[in-house]
Amino acid sequence: MPGGGFLYTNADTVSVGVVLHLPALARSGKRPEEFIGELKAHPAIAPLVAGGELKEYSAHLIPEGGYDAMPELVADGLMVAGDAAGLCLAAGIWLEGVNYAIASGAAAGETAAEALRSGSTDAAGLAGYRRRLEASFVLQDHRKLRRAPDFVLNRRTQLSYPRAVCDLVEQLFTVRNPQRKPGGIRAAWSELRSSDVRLREFAHDVWVAMRTYG
């Protein structure tokens, strides 16, 4: 699956969904609902949805490009806010969007009122919008985490490192008497060396993670 799945339950409702990356979805040759069907057929999920009635089906595009993928936020007579401005923080640890949409909408409203009072609604008259976002958590957060999309969405973070961690845990907790148990650091190094990650790539990813989340 070119992404991941999730499941939410309450007393009488089960919500099943998948998160798909568009380039990988295009390469797969499948439609999103096919992945939903595969997830619903999984042995761990199928019993939870058996006999259920479909109430809703929906999809939503999430801009994940971050700070460096944002469009121009101001033009003559125009301010761009929320998802249209790419104000969604898909940074692995955080997945936020509504708070940035609300804050950018409020900043746009304040700027519009200011521009109408001054009689200037061209790009220069609306420049206060960008200044307000720069002074708030909206663009401060996105600038701080501008490297996060490249780190979170690359092949190593999505596939190689999770696989190596799973293999490491399996190795540490598998009993193979009379063999000695491996040391944690030695076992981790062995798994990293046997993965498809080059040492230079690993060092780069560690550096980016420390610069991004430190």
N, C-alpha and C. Protein backbone atom coordinates (compact mmCIF):
# COMPACT_ATOMS: atom_id res chain seq x y z
N MET A 1 0.85 -1.19 0.00
CA MET A 1 0.00 0.00 0.00
C MET A 1 0.89 1.25 0.00
N PRO A 2 0.67 2.21 -0.91
CA PRO A 2 1.50 3.41 -0.97
C PRO A 2 1.11 4.43 0.09
N GLY A 3 1.07 4.01 1.33
CA GLY A 3 0.68 4.89 2.42
C GLY A 3 0.42 4.04 3.66
N GLY A 4 -0.61 4.39 4.43
CA GLY A 4 -0.94 3.63 5.63
C GLY A 4 -2.42 3.63 5.87
N GLY A 5 -2.87 2.79 6.81
CA GLY A 5 -4.29 2.69 7.10
C GLY A 5 -4.58 3.04 8.54
N PHE A 6 -5.86 3.33 8.82
CA PHE A 6 -6.25 3.59 10.21
C PHE A 6 -7.68 3.12 10.41
N LEU A 7 -8.04 2.92 11.67
CA LEU A 7 -9.37 2.46 12.04
C LEU A 7 -9.77 3.12 13.36
N TYR A 8 -10.97 3.73 13.40
CA TYR A 8 -11.52 4.31 14.61
C TYR A 8 -12.83 3.59 14.92
N THR A 9 -13.07 3.33 16.19
CA THR A 9 -14.32 2.68 16.58
C THR A 9 -14.95 3.41 17.76
N ASN A 10 -16.29 3.36 17.83
CA ASN A 10 -17.01 3.74 19.04
C ASN A 10 -18.11 2.72 19.24
N ALA A 11 -19.15 3.05 19.97
CA ALA A 11 -20.15 2.05 20.34
C ALA A 11 -20.81 1.39 19.14
N ASP A 12 -21.13 2.15 18.09
CA ASP A 12 -21.88 1.56 16.98
C ASP A 12 -21.34 1.95 15.61
N THR A 13 -20.16 2.54 15.57
CA THR A 13 -19.61 2.99 14.29
C THR A 13 -18.15 2.58 14.16
N VAL A 14 -17.78 2.15 12.98
CA VAL A 14 -16.39 1.84 12.67
C VAL A 14 -15.98 2.68 11.47
N SER A 15 -14.93 3.46 11.62
CA SER A 15 -14.42 4.28 10.52
C SER A 15 -13.10 3.68 10.03
N VAL A 16 -13.05 3.36 8.75
CA VAL A 16 -11.85 2.77 8.16
C VAL A 16 -11.32 3.74 7.11
N GLY A 17 -10.03 3.97 7.10
CA GLY A 17 -9.47 4.91 6.14
C GLY A 17 -8.04 4.56 5.78
N VAL A 18 -7.59 5.13 4.69
CA VAL A 18 -6.20 4.98 4.27
C VAL A 18 -5.63 6.35 3.94
N VAL A 19 -4.34 6.49 4.19
CA VAL A 19 -3.61 7.70 3.83
C VAL A 19 -2.67 7.32 2.69
N LEU A 20 -2.85 7.94 1.53
CA LEU A 20 -2.11 7.57 0.34
C LEU A 20 -1.32 8.76 -0.19
N HIS A 21 -0.11 8.49 -0.64
CA HIS A 21 0.69 9.52 -1.30
C HIS A 21 0.38 9.48 -2.79
N LEU A 22 0.06 10.61 -3.36
CA LEU A 22 -0.44 10.66 -4.74
C LEU A 22 0.53 10.05 -5.77
N PRO A 23 1.83 10.37 -5.73
CA PRO A 23 2.72 9.75 -6.74
C PRO A 23 2.72 8.22 -6.65
N ALA A 24 2.76 7.70 -5.40
CA ALA A 24 2.75 6.25 -5.23
C ALA A 24 1.41 5.65 -5.63
N LEU A 25 0.32 6.38 -5.36
CA LEU A 25 -1.00 5.91 -5.77
C LEU A 25 -1.08 5.81 -7.29
N ALA A 26 -0.55 6.80 -7.99
CA ALA A 26 -0.57 6.78 -9.45
C ALA A 26 0.24 5.60 -9.99
N ARG A 27 1.38 5.34 -9.36
CA ARG A 27 2.22 4.22 -9.82
C ARG A 27 1.55 2.88 -9.56
N SER A 28 0.71 2.79 -8.54
CA SER A 28 0.09 1.52 -8.18
C SER A 28 -0.93 1.06 -9.22
N GLY A 29 -1.53 2.00 -9.95
CA GLY A 29 -2.55 1.64 -10.93
C GLY A 29 -3.89 1.29 -10.30
N LYS A 30 -4.05 1.56 -9.00
CA LYS A 30 -5.30 1.25 -8.31
C LYS A 30 -6.05 2.52 -7.94
N ARG A 31 -7.34 2.36 -7.66
CA ARG A 31 -8.16 3.45 -7.17
C ARG A 31 -8.16 3.42 -5.65
N PRO A 32 -8.37 4.58 -4.98
CA PRO A 32 -8.33 4.61 -3.52
C PRO A 32 -9.29 3.62 -2.87
N GLU A 33 -10.50 3.44 -3.45
CA GLU A 33 -11.46 2.54 -2.82
C GLU A 33 -10.98 1.08 -2.85
N GLU A 34 -10.09 0.75 -3.78
CA GLU A 34 -9.54 -0.61 -3.78
C GLU A 34 -8.68 -0.86 -2.56
N PHE A 35 -7.93 0.16 -2.14
CA PHE A 35 -7.13 0.02 -0.93
C PHE A 35 -8.03 -0.05 0.31
N ILE A 36 -9.12 0.73 0.29
CA ILE A 36 -10.08 0.64 1.40
C ILE A 36 -10.62 -0.79 1.50
N GLY A 37 -10.98 -1.38 0.34
CA GLY A 37 -11.49 -2.75 0.33
C GLY A 37 -10.47 -3.74 0.85
N GLU A 38 -9.20 -3.58 0.48
CA GLU A 38 -8.16 -4.49 0.97
C GLU A 38 -7.98 -4.36 2.49
N LEU A 39 -8.05 -3.12 2.97
CA LEU A 39 -7.92 -2.91 4.41
C LEU A 39 -9.09 -3.52 5.17
N LYS A 40 -10.31 -3.36 4.64
CA LYS A 40 -11.50 -3.93 5.29
C LYS A 40 -11.47 -5.45 5.29
N ALA A 41 -10.76 -6.05 4.32
CA ALA A 41 -10.69 -7.51 4.23
C ALA A 41 -9.58 -8.09 5.09
N HIS A 42 -8.78 -7.24 5.72
CA HIS A 42 -7.69 -7.74 6.57
C HIS A 42 -8.28 -8.55 7.72
N PRO A 43 -7.66 -9.67 8.08
CA PRO A 43 -8.22 -10.55 9.13
C PRO A 43 -8.45 -9.83 10.46
N ALA A 44 -7.66 -8.80 10.74
CA ALA A 44 -7.83 -8.10 12.02
C ALA A 44 -8.99 -7.11 11.98
N ILE A 45 -9.42 -6.73 10.78
CA ILE A 45 -10.46 -5.70 10.64
C ILE A 45 -11.78 -6.27 10.15
N ALA A 46 -11.70 -7.30 9.32
CA ALA A 46 -12.92 -7.87 8.73
C ALA A 46 -14.00 -8.20 9.76
N PRO A 47 -13.67 -8.81 10.92
CA PRO A 47 -14.73 -9.11 11.90
C PRO A 47 -15.40 -7.86 12.45
N LEU A 48 -14.68 -6.73 12.46
CA LEU A 48 -15.24 -5.50 13.03
C LEU A 48 -16.24 -4.82 12.10
N VAL A 49 -16.13 -5.10 10.80
CA VAL A 49 -17.01 -4.43 9.84
C VAL A 49 -17.99 -5.40 9.18
N ALA A 50 -17.94 -6.67 9.57
CA ALA A 50 -18.83 -7.67 8.97
C ALA A 50 -20.29 -7.29 9.24
N GLY A 51 -21.10 -7.28 8.19
CA GLY A 51 -22.51 -6.95 8.32
C GLY A 51 -22.82 -5.48 8.47
N GLY A 52 -21.79 -4.66 8.38
CA GLY A 52 -21.99 -3.23 8.55
C GLY A 52 -22.61 -2.58 7.32
N GLU A 53 -23.19 -1.43 7.52
CA GLU A 53 -23.81 -0.66 6.44
C GLU A 53 -22.97 0.57 6.15
N LEU A 54 -22.61 0.77 4.87
CA LEU A 54 -21.80 1.91 4.49
C LEU A 54 -22.61 3.20 4.65
N LYS A 55 -22.10 4.12 5.45
CA LYS A 55 -22.80 5.38 5.71
C LYS A 55 -22.21 6.55 4.92
N GLU A 56 -20.92 6.50 4.69
CA GLU A 56 -20.29 7.64 4.02
C GLU A 56 -18.98 7.21 3.41
N TYR A 57 -18.67 7.81 2.25
CA TYR A 57 -17.38 7.61 1.61
C TYR A 57 -16.88 8.98 1.18
N SER A 58 -15.68 9.34 1.57
CA SER A 58 -15.17 10.66 1.21
C SER A 58 -13.65 10.61 1.07
N ALA A 59 -13.12 11.64 0.45
CA ALA A 59 -11.68 11.74 0.27
C ALA A 59 -11.28 13.21 0.35
N HIS A 60 -10.04 13.44 0.73
CA HIS A 60 -9.55 14.81 0.89
C HIS A 60 -8.06 14.85 0.58
N LEU A 61 -7.66 15.84 -0.20
CA LEU A 61 -6.24 16.02 -0.49
C LEU A 61 -5.60 16.87 0.60
N ILE A 62 -4.44 16.42 1.09
CA ILE A 62 -3.73 17.13 2.14
C ILE A 62 -2.41 17.64 1.57
N PRO A 63 -2.16 18.95 1.57
CA PRO A 63 -0.89 19.48 1.07
C PRO A 63 0.23 19.17 2.06
N GLU A 64 1.22 18.42 1.64
CA GLU A 64 2.28 17.97 2.54
C GLU A 64 3.63 18.59 2.21
N GLY A 65 3.66 19.49 1.24
CA GLY A 65 4.95 20.02 0.80
C GLY A 65 5.64 20.93 1.80
N GLY A 66 4.88 21.53 2.71
CA GLY A 66 5.48 22.38 3.72
C GLY A 66 5.87 23.75 3.22
N TYR A 67 6.73 24.40 3.96
CA TYR A 67 7.08 25.80 3.74
C TYR A 67 7.60 26.05 2.33
N ASP A 68 8.46 25.18 1.84
CA ASP A 68 9.09 25.41 0.54
C ASP A 68 8.14 25.20 -0.64
N ALA A 69 6.97 24.60 -0.40
CA ALA A 69 6.01 24.36 -1.48
C ALA A 69 4.85 25.36 -1.47
N MET A 70 4.90 26.32 -0.56
CA MET A 70 3.80 27.28 -0.47
C MET A 70 3.77 28.21 -1.67
N PRO A 71 2.57 28.57 -2.14
CA PRO A 71 2.45 29.54 -3.24
C PRO A 71 2.63 30.96 -2.71
N GLU A 72 2.59 31.93 -3.61
CA GLU A 72 2.54 33.32 -3.17
C GLU A 72 1.25 33.53 -2.38
N LEU A 73 1.37 34.13 -1.23
CA LEU A 73 0.21 34.26 -0.34
C LEU A 73 -0.62 35.51 -0.62
N VAL A 74 -0.07 36.46 -1.36
CA VAL A 74 -0.76 37.72 -1.61
C VAL A 74 -0.62 38.12 -3.07
N ALA A 75 -1.70 38.59 -3.66
CA ALA A 75 -1.68 39.20 -4.99
C ALA A 75 -2.68 40.35 -4.97
N ASP A 76 -2.82 41.05 -6.06
CA ASP A 76 -3.78 42.16 -6.09
C ASP A 76 -5.18 41.64 -5.80
N GLY A 77 -5.78 42.13 -4.71
CA GLY A 77 -7.14 41.75 -4.36
C GLY A 77 -7.28 40.33 -3.88
N LEU A 78 -6.17 39.66 -3.49
CA LEU A 78 -6.25 38.23 -3.15
C LEU A 78 -5.31 37.88 -2.00
N MET A 79 -5.83 37.09 -1.04
CA MET A 79 -5.01 36.49 0.00
C MET A 79 -5.33 35.00 0.04
N VAL A 80 -4.32 34.17 0.18
CA VAL A 80 -4.49 32.72 0.16
C VAL A 80 -4.28 32.19 1.58
N ALA A 81 -5.22 31.36 2.05
CA ALA A 81 -5.17 30.87 3.43
C ALA A 81 -5.45 29.37 3.48
N GLY A 82 -5.22 28.78 4.64
CA GLY A 82 -5.57 27.38 4.88
C GLY A 82 -4.88 26.41 3.94
N ASP A 83 -5.60 25.37 3.55
CA ASP A 83 -5.04 24.34 2.67
C ASP A 83 -4.60 24.92 1.33
N ALA A 84 -5.32 25.92 0.83
CA ALA A 84 -4.95 26.52 -0.46
C ALA A 84 -3.56 27.13 -0.40
N ALA A 85 -3.15 27.56 0.78
CA ALA A 85 -1.82 28.13 0.97
C ALA A 85 -0.79 27.07 1.37
N GLY A 86 -1.21 25.81 1.45
CA GLY A 86 -0.30 24.75 1.88
C GLY A 86 -0.01 24.78 3.36
N LEU A 87 -0.90 25.39 4.14
CA LEU A 87 -0.67 25.52 5.58
C LEU A 87 -1.12 24.26 6.32
N CYS A 88 -0.45 23.18 6.03
CA CYS A 88 -0.68 21.91 6.70
C CYS A 88 0.67 21.35 7.09
N LEU A 89 0.84 21.07 8.37
CA LEU A 89 2.13 20.62 8.87
C LEU A 89 2.12 19.09 8.96
N ALA A 90 2.66 18.44 7.93
CA ALA A 90 2.77 16.98 7.93
C ALA A 90 4.21 16.63 8.27
N ALA A 91 4.52 16.64 9.56
CA ALA A 91 5.91 16.54 10.00
C ALA A 91 6.20 15.27 10.78
N GLY A 92 5.40 14.24 10.58
CA GLY A 92 5.67 12.98 11.27
C GLY A 92 5.14 12.99 12.69
N ILE A 93 5.80 13.73 13.58
CA ILE A 93 5.34 13.85 14.96
C ILE A 93 4.05 14.64 15.02
N TRP A 94 3.94 15.64 14.14
CA TRP A 94 2.75 16.48 14.11
C TRP A 94 2.04 16.35 12.77
N LEU A 95 0.73 16.34 12.81
CA LEU A 95 -0.09 16.45 11.61
C LEU A 95 -1.19 17.44 11.93
N GLU A 96 -0.98 18.68 11.54
CA GLU A 96 -1.88 19.76 11.92
C GLU A 96 -2.31 20.55 10.70
N GLY A 97 -3.49 21.13 10.78
CA GLY A 97 -3.96 21.96 9.68
C GLY A 97 -5.05 22.92 10.09
N VAL A 98 -6.01 22.46 10.90
CA VAL A 98 -7.16 23.30 11.25
C VAL A 98 -6.71 24.56 11.98
N ASN A 99 -5.75 24.42 12.92
CA ASN A 99 -5.31 25.60 13.66
C ASN A 99 -4.67 26.64 12.75
N TYR A 100 -3.91 26.17 11.75
CA TYR A 100 -3.29 27.11 10.81
C TYR A 100 -4.34 27.75 9.89
N ALA A 101 -5.36 26.99 9.52
CA ALA A 101 -6.43 27.54 8.69
C ALA A 101 -7.17 28.65 9.44
N ILE A 102 -7.48 28.39 10.70
CA ILE A 102 -8.21 29.39 11.50
C ILE A 102 -7.35 30.64 11.69
N ALA A 103 -6.09 30.44 12.04
CA ALA A 103 -5.21 31.60 12.29
C ALA A 103 -4.96 32.40 11.02
N SER A 104 -4.76 31.71 9.89
CA SER A 104 -4.53 32.44 8.65
C SER A 104 -5.79 33.16 8.19
N GLY A 105 -6.97 32.55 8.41
CA GLY A 105 -8.23 33.22 8.08
C GLY A 105 -8.43 34.47 8.91
N ALA A 106 -8.08 34.41 10.20
CA ALA A 106 -8.20 35.58 11.06
C ALA A 106 -7.24 36.69 10.61
N ALA A 107 -6.01 36.28 10.24
CA ALA A 107 -5.03 37.27 9.76
C ALA A 107 -5.50 37.90 8.46
N ALA A 108 -6.11 37.09 7.59
CA ALA A 108 -6.63 37.63 6.33
C ALA A 108 -7.76 38.62 6.58
N GLY A 109 -8.64 38.30 7.54
CA GLY A 109 -9.73 39.21 7.87
C GLY A 109 -9.22 40.54 8.41
N GLU A 110 -8.24 40.49 9.30
CA GLU A 110 -7.67 41.72 9.85
C GLU A 110 -7.01 42.55 8.76
N THR A 111 -6.30 41.86 7.86
CA THR A 111 -5.61 42.56 6.78
C THR A 111 -6.62 43.18 5.81
N ALA A 112 -7.70 42.45 5.50
CA ALA A 112 -8.72 42.97 4.59
C ALA A 112 -9.36 44.24 5.17
N ALA A 113 -9.67 44.20 6.47
CA ALA A 113 -10.27 45.38 7.10
C ALA A 113 -9.31 46.57 7.04
N GLU A 114 -8.04 46.29 7.30
CA GLU A 114 -7.01 47.33 7.25
C GLU A 114 -6.88 47.91 5.84
N ALA A 115 -6.89 47.03 4.83
CA ALA A 115 -6.74 47.47 3.44
C ALA A 115 -7.94 48.29 2.98
N LEU A 116 -9.14 47.90 3.39
CA LEU A 116 -10.34 48.63 2.99
C LEU A 116 -10.35 50.02 3.63
N ARG A 117 -9.87 50.11 4.86
CA ARG A 117 -9.82 51.43 5.51
C ARG A 117 -8.84 52.35 4.80
N SER A 118 -7.73 51.77 4.31
CA SER A 118 -6.72 52.59 3.65
C SER A 118 -7.05 52.84 2.17
N GLY A 119 -8.01 52.08 1.63
CA GLY A 119 -8.38 52.22 0.24
C GLY A 119 -7.41 51.56 -0.72
N SER A 120 -6.55 50.67 -0.23
CA SER A 120 -5.56 50.01 -1.08
C SER A 120 -5.69 48.50 -0.91
N THR A 121 -6.23 47.83 -1.92
CA THR A 121 -6.39 46.37 -1.85
C THR A 121 -5.51 45.66 -2.88
N ASP A 122 -4.48 46.35 -3.38
CA ASP A 122 -3.53 45.66 -4.25
C ASP A 122 -2.54 44.88 -3.39
N ALA A 123 -1.55 44.26 -4.01
CA ALA A 123 -0.61 43.42 -3.27
C ALA A 123 0.11 44.21 -2.18
N ALA A 124 0.46 45.45 -2.47
CA ALA A 124 1.14 46.28 -1.48
C ALA A 124 0.23 46.57 -0.29
N GLY A 125 -1.03 46.84 -0.59
CA GLY A 125 -1.97 47.14 0.49
C GLY A 125 -2.32 45.93 1.34
N LEU A 126 -2.11 44.72 0.80
CA LEU A 126 -2.39 43.49 1.53
C LEU A 126 -1.14 42.84 2.11
N ALA A 127 -0.01 43.53 2.04
CA ALA A 127 1.26 42.97 2.50
C ALA A 127 1.24 42.67 4.00
N GLY A 128 0.35 43.30 4.73
CA GLY A 128 0.26 43.04 6.16
C GLY A 128 -0.12 41.60 6.47
N TYR A 129 -0.77 40.93 5.51
CA TYR A 129 -1.16 39.53 5.73
C TYR A 129 0.07 38.66 5.94
N ARG A 130 1.04 38.77 5.07
CA ARG A 130 2.27 38.00 5.21
C ARG A 130 2.99 38.36 6.51
N ARG A 131 3.03 39.64 6.83
CA ARG A 131 3.70 40.06 8.07
C ARG A 131 3.02 39.46 9.29
N ARG A 132 1.70 39.41 9.28
CA ARG A 132 0.99 38.81 10.41
C ARG A 132 1.31 37.33 10.54
N LEU A 133 1.35 36.62 9.43
CA LEU A 133 1.66 35.19 9.48
C LEU A 133 3.10 34.95 9.92
N GLU A 134 4.01 35.82 9.47
CA GLU A 134 5.42 35.68 9.86
C GLU A 134 5.58 35.90 11.37
N ALA A 135 4.77 36.79 11.93
CA ALA A 135 4.89 37.10 13.36
C ALA A 135 4.17 36.10 14.24
N SER A 136 3.37 35.21 13.65
CA SER A 136 2.59 34.25 14.43
C SER A 136 3.19 32.85 14.32
N PHE A 137 2.58 31.93 15.04
CA PHE A 137 3.04 30.55 15.01
C PHE A 137 2.86 29.90 13.63
N VAL A 138 2.01 30.50 12.78
CA VAL A 138 1.69 29.86 11.50
C VAL A 138 2.94 29.64 10.66
N LEU A 139 3.61 30.71 10.29
CA LEU A 139 4.81 30.56 9.46
C LEU A 139 6.05 30.26 10.29
N GLN A 140 6.03 30.60 11.57
CA GLN A 140 7.17 30.24 12.42
C GLN A 140 7.29 28.72 12.53
N ASP A 141 6.17 28.02 12.72
CA ASP A 141 6.19 26.56 12.79
C ASP A 141 6.64 25.96 11.46
N HIS A 142 6.07 26.47 10.38
CA HIS A 142 6.39 25.90 9.06
C HIS A 142 7.84 26.15 8.67
N ARG A 143 8.37 27.31 9.03
CA ARG A 143 9.76 27.58 8.70
C ARG A 143 10.68 26.68 9.53
N LYS A 144 10.37 26.51 10.80
CA LYS A 144 11.20 25.66 11.66
C LYS A 144 11.23 24.23 11.14
N LEU A 145 10.10 23.75 10.62
CA LEU A 145 9.98 22.36 10.19
C LEU A 145 9.98 22.24 8.67
N ARG A 146 10.63 23.15 7.98
CA ARG A 146 10.60 23.14 6.51
C ARG A 146 11.30 21.92 5.93
N ARG A 147 12.22 21.30 6.69
CA ARG A 147 12.91 20.11 6.19
C ARG A 147 12.12 18.83 6.45
N ALA A 148 11.09 18.92 7.27
CA ALA A 148 10.37 17.72 7.70
C ALA A 148 9.75 16.92 6.55
N PRO A 149 9.12 17.54 5.55
CA PRO A 149 8.51 16.72 4.48
C PRO A 149 9.52 15.82 3.76
N ASP A 150 10.71 16.35 3.47
CA ASP A 150 11.72 15.53 2.79
C ASP A 150 12.17 14.38 3.67
N PHE A 151 12.20 14.61 4.99
CA PHE A 151 12.63 13.55 5.91
C PHE A 151 11.53 12.52 6.11
N VAL A 152 10.30 12.99 6.36
CA VAL A 152 9.20 12.09 6.71
C VAL A 152 8.76 11.26 5.51
N LEU A 153 8.77 11.86 4.33
CA LEU A 153 8.18 11.21 3.17
C LEU A 153 9.19 10.47 2.29
N ASN A 154 10.45 10.37 2.72
CA ASN A 154 11.38 9.65 1.86
C ASN A 154 11.29 8.14 2.09
N ARG A 155 11.86 7.39 1.18
CA ARG A 155 11.77 5.92 1.18
C ARG A 155 12.35 5.32 2.47
N ARG A 156 13.44 5.87 2.95
CA ARG A 156 14.10 5.29 4.12
C ARG A 156 13.22 5.43 5.37
N THR A 157 12.66 6.62 5.56
CA THR A 157 11.83 6.85 6.75
C THR A 157 10.53 6.06 6.67
N GLN A 158 9.98 5.94 5.47
CA GLN A 158 8.71 5.23 5.30
C GLN A 158 8.87 3.72 5.36
N LEU A 159 9.97 3.18 4.85
CA LEU A 159 10.10 1.73 4.70
C LEU A 159 11.31 1.14 5.40
N SER A 160 12.49 1.67 5.10
CA SER A 160 13.72 1.02 5.55
C SER A 160 13.88 1.04 7.06
N TYR A 161 13.71 2.21 7.69
CA TYR A 161 13.91 2.29 9.13
C TYR A 161 12.86 1.51 9.92
N PRO A 162 11.56 1.61 9.58
CA PRO A 162 10.58 0.77 10.31
C PRO A 162 10.89 -0.72 10.18
N ARG A 163 11.29 -1.15 8.96
CA ARG A 163 11.62 -2.56 8.78
C ARG A 163 12.82 -2.95 9.63
N ALA A 164 13.84 -2.09 9.68
CA ALA A 164 15.03 -2.39 10.47
C ALA A 164 14.70 -2.45 11.96
N VAL A 165 13.82 -1.55 12.43
CA VAL A 165 13.43 -1.56 13.84
C VAL A 165 12.67 -2.84 14.18
N CYS A 166 11.75 -3.25 13.31
CA CYS A 166 11.01 -4.49 13.54
C CYS A 166 11.96 -5.69 13.59
N ASP A 167 12.90 -5.74 12.66
CA ASP A 167 13.87 -6.85 12.64
C ASP A 167 14.74 -6.83 13.88
N LEU A 168 15.11 -5.63 14.35
CA LEU A 168 15.93 -5.51 15.55
C LEU A 168 15.18 -6.03 16.78
N VAL A 169 13.92 -5.61 16.92
CA VAL A 169 13.13 -6.07 18.07
C VAL A 169 12.96 -7.59 18.03
N GLU A 170 12.69 -8.12 16.84
CA GLU A 170 12.56 -9.57 16.72
C GLU A 170 13.84 -10.28 17.12
N GLN A 171 14.97 -9.73 16.71
CA GLN A 171 16.26 -10.35 17.05
C GLN A 171 16.53 -10.30 18.55
N LEU A 172 16.20 -9.18 19.18
CA LEU A 172 16.48 -9.02 20.60
C LEU A 172 15.60 -9.92 21.48
N PHE A 173 14.36 -10.16 21.03
CA PHE A 173 13.43 -10.91 21.87
C PHE A 173 13.23 -12.36 21.43
N THR A 174 14.02 -12.82 20.47
CA THR A 174 13.96 -14.22 20.07
C THR A 174 14.98 -15.03 20.87
N VAL A 175 14.51 -16.10 21.47
CA VAL A 175 15.39 -16.96 22.28
C VAL A 175 16.04 -17.99 21.37
N ARG A 176 17.37 -18.01 21.37
CA ARG A 176 18.11 -18.96 20.53
C ARG A 176 19.17 -19.66 21.38
N ASN A 177 18.75 -20.25 22.46
CA ASN A 177 19.71 -20.99 23.30
C ASN A 177 20.33 -22.13 22.50
N PRO A 178 21.61 -22.40 22.67
CA PRO A 178 22.52 -21.84 23.69
C PRO A 178 23.30 -20.63 23.20
N GLN A 179 22.84 -19.93 22.16
CA GLN A 179 23.56 -18.76 21.69
C GLN A 179 23.43 -17.61 22.69
N ARG A 180 24.46 -16.78 22.73
CA ARG A 180 24.42 -15.60 23.59
C ARG A 180 23.50 -14.56 22.99
N LYS A 181 22.83 -13.81 23.86
CA LYS A 181 21.99 -12.72 23.37
C LYS A 181 22.90 -11.59 22.87
N PRO A 182 22.55 -11.01 21.74
CA PRO A 182 23.38 -9.92 21.22
C PRO A 182 23.18 -8.64 22.03
N GLY A 183 24.19 -7.81 22.09
CA GLY A 183 24.05 -6.50 22.72
C GLY A 183 23.18 -5.60 21.86
N GLY A 184 22.48 -4.68 22.49
CA GLY A 184 21.55 -3.84 21.75
C GLY A 184 22.22 -2.98 20.69
N ILE A 185 23.32 -2.33 21.04
CA ILE A 185 24.00 -1.46 20.09
C ILE A 185 24.58 -2.28 18.94
N ARG A 186 25.18 -3.42 19.29
CA ARG A 186 25.76 -4.27 18.25
C ARG A 186 24.67 -4.80 17.31
N ALA A 187 23.54 -5.19 17.88
CA ALA A 187 22.44 -5.71 17.05
C ALA A 187 21.87 -4.61 16.16
N ALA A 188 21.72 -3.39 16.71
CA ALA A 188 21.20 -2.28 15.92
C ALA A 188 22.14 -1.96 14.76
N TRP A 189 23.42 -1.95 15.03
CA TRP A 189 24.39 -1.68 13.98
C TRP A 189 24.35 -2.76 12.90
N SER A 190 24.20 -4.01 13.34
CA SER A 190 24.13 -5.12 12.39
C SER A 190 22.91 -4.99 11.49
N GLU A 191 21.75 -4.61 12.07
CA GLU A 191 20.54 -4.46 11.27
C GLU A 191 20.68 -3.30 10.28
N LEU A 192 21.29 -2.21 10.73
CA LEU A 192 21.48 -1.07 9.85
C LEU A 192 22.38 -1.44 8.67
N ARG A 193 23.46 -2.18 8.96
CA ARG A 193 24.40 -2.56 7.91
C ARG A 193 23.76 -3.52 6.90
N SER A 194 22.84 -4.35 7.38
CA SER A 194 22.20 -5.32 6.49
C SER A 194 21.01 -4.74 5.73
N SER A 195 20.59 -3.52 6.09
CA SER A 195 19.46 -2.89 5.41
C SER A 195 19.96 -2.27 4.10
N ASP A 196 19.01 -1.64 3.37
CA ASP A 196 19.37 -1.01 2.10
C ASP A 196 19.75 0.45 2.28
N VAL A 197 20.04 0.85 3.53
CA VAL A 197 20.41 2.22 3.83
C VAL A 197 21.93 2.34 3.88
N ARG A 198 22.46 3.27 3.11
CA ARG A 198 23.89 3.51 3.15
C ARG A 198 24.23 4.34 4.39
N LEU A 199 25.45 4.17 4.89
CA LEU A 199 25.86 4.88 6.09
C LEU A 199 25.78 6.39 5.88
N ARG A 200 26.12 6.86 4.70
CA ARG A 200 26.06 8.30 4.42
C ARG A 200 24.61 8.79 4.46
N GLU A 201 23.69 7.97 3.97
CA GLU A 201 22.27 8.35 4.01
C GLU A 201 21.76 8.39 5.44
N PHE A 202 22.18 7.41 6.24
CA PHE A 202 21.77 7.38 7.64
C PHE A 202 22.28 8.60 8.39
N ALA A 203 23.54 8.95 8.17
CA ALA A 203 24.13 10.13 8.83
C ALA A 203 23.39 11.39 8.40
N HIS A 204 23.03 11.48 7.12
CA HIS A 204 22.29 12.64 6.63
C HIS A 204 20.92 12.72 7.29
N ASP A 205 20.23 11.59 7.40
CA ASP A 205 18.89 11.58 7.99
C ASP A 205 18.94 11.95 9.47
N VAL A 206 19.97 11.49 10.19
CA VAL A 206 20.13 11.85 11.60
C VAL A 206 20.34 13.34 11.73
N TRP A 207 21.18 13.89 10.85
CA TRP A 207 21.45 15.34 10.89
C TRP A 207 20.19 16.13 10.61
N VAL A 208 19.42 15.73 9.60
CA VAL A 208 18.19 16.44 9.26
C VAL A 208 17.18 16.32 10.40
N ALA A 209 17.07 15.14 11.00
CA ALA A 209 16.12 14.96 12.11
C ALA A 209 16.48 15.83 13.30
N MET A 210 17.78 15.93 13.60
CA MET A 210 18.21 16.77 14.73
C MET A 210 17.97 18.24 14.42
N ARG A 211 18.24 18.67 13.17
CA ARG A 211 18.00 20.07 12.81
C ARG A 211 16.51 20.38 12.80
N THR A 212 15.70 19.41 12.43
CA THR A 212 14.26 19.64 12.30
C THR A 212 13.54 19.59 13.64
N TYR A 213 13.80 18.55 14.42
CA TYR A 213 13.03 18.33 15.64
C TYR A 213 13.76 18.73 16.91
N GLY A 214 15.03 19.10 16.80
CA GLY A 214 15.80 19.43 17.98
C GLY A 214 15.40 20.75 18.63
